[in-house]
Amino acid sequence: MAWDGDIGGGDKDGFKDSGYVRVKGEYEDQKRISQAQRQSAYERGTTRDEHNMHLVGYTYDRKGEKFYILKNTWGKNRGIAGSYYLSENYFRLRTISVTLHKDGFPEAVKTKMGSKNGR
């Protein structure tokens, strides 16, 4: 899946950390980022369309916090061997769009989308 999002905005220092990126500043203490908060950050310009990465999976830390694993195009010398681990709240707040190839959708979803023969 392709991820398009903000790596600068109010959280740019997160990308200078150890490779684990969390919301900093605005909304830092929120348990779960809402769609209204994401939209507000975008409209106010604190979330900007800046960078694309390849979302390759997700994992959980020892405390059970979910992180999305994104492979960066900057090379293996950034993040953790070229990957960044975005917290679920960061992903919710700073995502502009995601793109998924049609073959990535389950057949039932393709049918609902009106695809001919699920394709």
Protein backbone atom coordinates (compact mmCIF):
# COMPACT_ATOMS: atom_id res chain seq x y z
CA MET A 1 0.00 0.00 0.00
CA ALA A 2 1.26 3.50 -0.74
CA TRP A 3 1.05 6.05 2.09
CA ASP A 4 1.00 9.78 1.39
CA GLY A 5 1.35 11.99 4.41
CA ASP A 6 3.04 14.61 6.49
CA ILE A 7 6.57 14.07 7.72
CA GLY A 8 7.17 17.73 8.56
CA GLY A 9 4.18 19.50 10.06
CA GLY A 10 3.93 19.72 13.81
CA ASP A 11 5.65 16.36 14.28
CA LYS A 12 8.81 16.71 12.17
CA ASP A 13 11.03 15.91 15.13
CA GLY A 14 9.44 12.47 15.28
CA PHE A 15 11.30 11.52 12.13
CA LYS A 16 14.60 12.39 13.82
CA ASP A 17 13.95 9.93 16.62
CA SER A 18 14.87 6.26 16.70
CA GLY A 19 12.48 5.38 13.90
CA TYR A 20 9.38 5.26 16.09
CA VAL A 21 7.17 8.22 15.23
CA ARG A 22 4.46 9.47 17.58
CA VAL A 23 2.24 12.54 17.66
CA LYS A 24 4.02 15.43 19.34
CA GLY A 25 2.63 18.80 20.32
CA GLU A 26 -0.95 19.23 19.24
CA TYR A 27 -3.07 16.18 20.14
CA GLU A 28 -0.10 14.47 21.85
CA ASP A 29 -2.22 13.38 24.80
CA GLN A 30 -5.21 12.13 22.79
CA LYS A 31 -6.04 8.46 23.25
CA ARG A 32 -7.40 8.16 19.71
CA ILE A 33 -7.24 10.74 16.91
CA SER A 34 -10.65 11.37 15.36
CA GLN A 35 -11.55 12.17 11.77
CA ALA A 36 -12.58 15.68 12.90
CA GLN A 37 -9.11 16.27 14.39
CA ARG A 38 -7.41 14.96 11.26
CA GLN A 39 -9.53 17.20 9.04
CA SER A 40 -8.94 20.22 11.28
CA ALA A 41 -5.16 19.70 11.19
CA TYR A 42 -5.28 19.45 7.39
CA GLU A 43 -7.45 22.55 6.96
CA ARG A 44 -5.24 24.60 9.30
CA GLY A 45 -2.09 23.46 7.49
CA THR A 46 -0.52 21.60 10.41
CA THR A 47 -0.83 18.45 8.29
CA ARG A 48 0.60 18.88 4.80
CA ASP A 49 1.01 16.68 1.75
CA GLU A 50 4.76 16.06 1.83
CA HIS A 51 6.02 12.53 1.30
CA ASN A 52 5.12 9.07 0.04
CA MET A 53 6.26 5.79 1.55
CA HIS A 54 5.46 2.14 1.07
CA LEU A 55 3.35 0.72 3.91
CA VAL A 56 4.65 -2.81 4.36
CA GLY A 57 2.88 -3.94 7.52
CA TYR A 58 2.14 -3.25 11.14
CA THR A 59 3.36 -4.43 14.49
CA TYR A 60 2.83 -3.86 18.21
CA ASP A 61 5.33 -2.74 20.81
CA ARG A 62 5.72 -4.43 24.19
CA LYS A 63 2.96 -2.26 25.65
CA GLY A 64 0.51 -3.26 22.92
CA GLU A 65 0.68 0.03 20.99
CA LYS A 66 0.11 -0.44 17.26
CA PHE A 67 2.66 0.90 14.76
CA TYR A 68 2.47 0.96 10.96
CA ILE A 69 5.74 0.03 9.24
CA LEU A 70 6.65 2.33 6.38
CA LYS A 71 9.62 1.77 4.11
CA ASN A 72 11.24 5.08 3.28
CA THR A 73 12.84 6.10 -0.01
CA TRP A 74 15.72 7.91 1.72
CA GLY A 75 17.80 4.79 2.17
CA LYS A 76 18.74 2.48 4.99
CA ASN A 77 20.64 5.14 6.92
CA ARG A 78 17.40 6.71 8.23
CA GLY A 79 14.95 5.37 10.77
CA ILE A 80 15.46 1.68 11.50
CA ALA A 81 17.24 0.23 8.46
CA GLY A 82 15.23 2.56 6.20
CA SER A 83 11.86 2.00 7.85
CA TYR A 84 9.77 4.15 10.14
CA TYR A 85 7.26 2.90 12.65
CA LEU A 86 4.31 5.29 12.81
CA SER A 87 2.04 5.11 15.83
CA GLU A 88 -1.61 4.54 15.04
CA ASN A 89 -2.42 8.09 16.21
CA TYR A 90 0.30 9.57 13.98
CA PHE A 91 -1.04 7.55 11.07
CA ARG A 92 -4.59 8.76 11.80
CA LEU A 93 -3.56 12.41 12.16
CA ARG A 94 -0.96 12.86 9.40
CA THR A 95 -2.26 10.65 6.56
CA ILE A 96 -3.35 12.46 3.40
CA SER A 97 -4.17 9.38 1.34
CA VAL A 98 -3.47 5.70 0.87
CA THR A 99 -3.44 3.82 -2.40
CA LEU A 100 -4.07 0.12 -2.69
CA HIS A 101 -3.85 -1.90 -5.91
CA LYS A 102 -7.16 -3.51 -6.85
CA ASP A 103 -5.70 -6.98 -6.28
CA GLY A 104 -5.23 -6.06 -2.62
CA PHE A 105 -8.97 -5.90 -1.98
CA PRO A 106 -10.90 -8.98 -0.85
CA GLU A 107 -13.31 -10.36 -3.48
CA ALA A 108 -16.36 -9.28 -1.43
CA VAL A 109 -15.14 -5.66 -1.40
CA LYS A 110 -14.41 -5.71 -5.14
CA THR A 111 -17.94 -6.96 -5.77
CA LYS A 112 -19.43 -4.19 -3.62
CA MET A 113 -17.36 -1.65 -5.52
CA GLY A 114 -19.05 -2.79 -8.71
CA SER A 115 -16.01 -4.38 -10.28
CA LYS A 116 -16.84 -6.70 -13.14
CA ASN A 117 -16.27 -10.29 -11.98
CA GLY A 118 -14.53 -8.95 -8.88
CA ARG A 119 -11.71 -7.48 -10.97
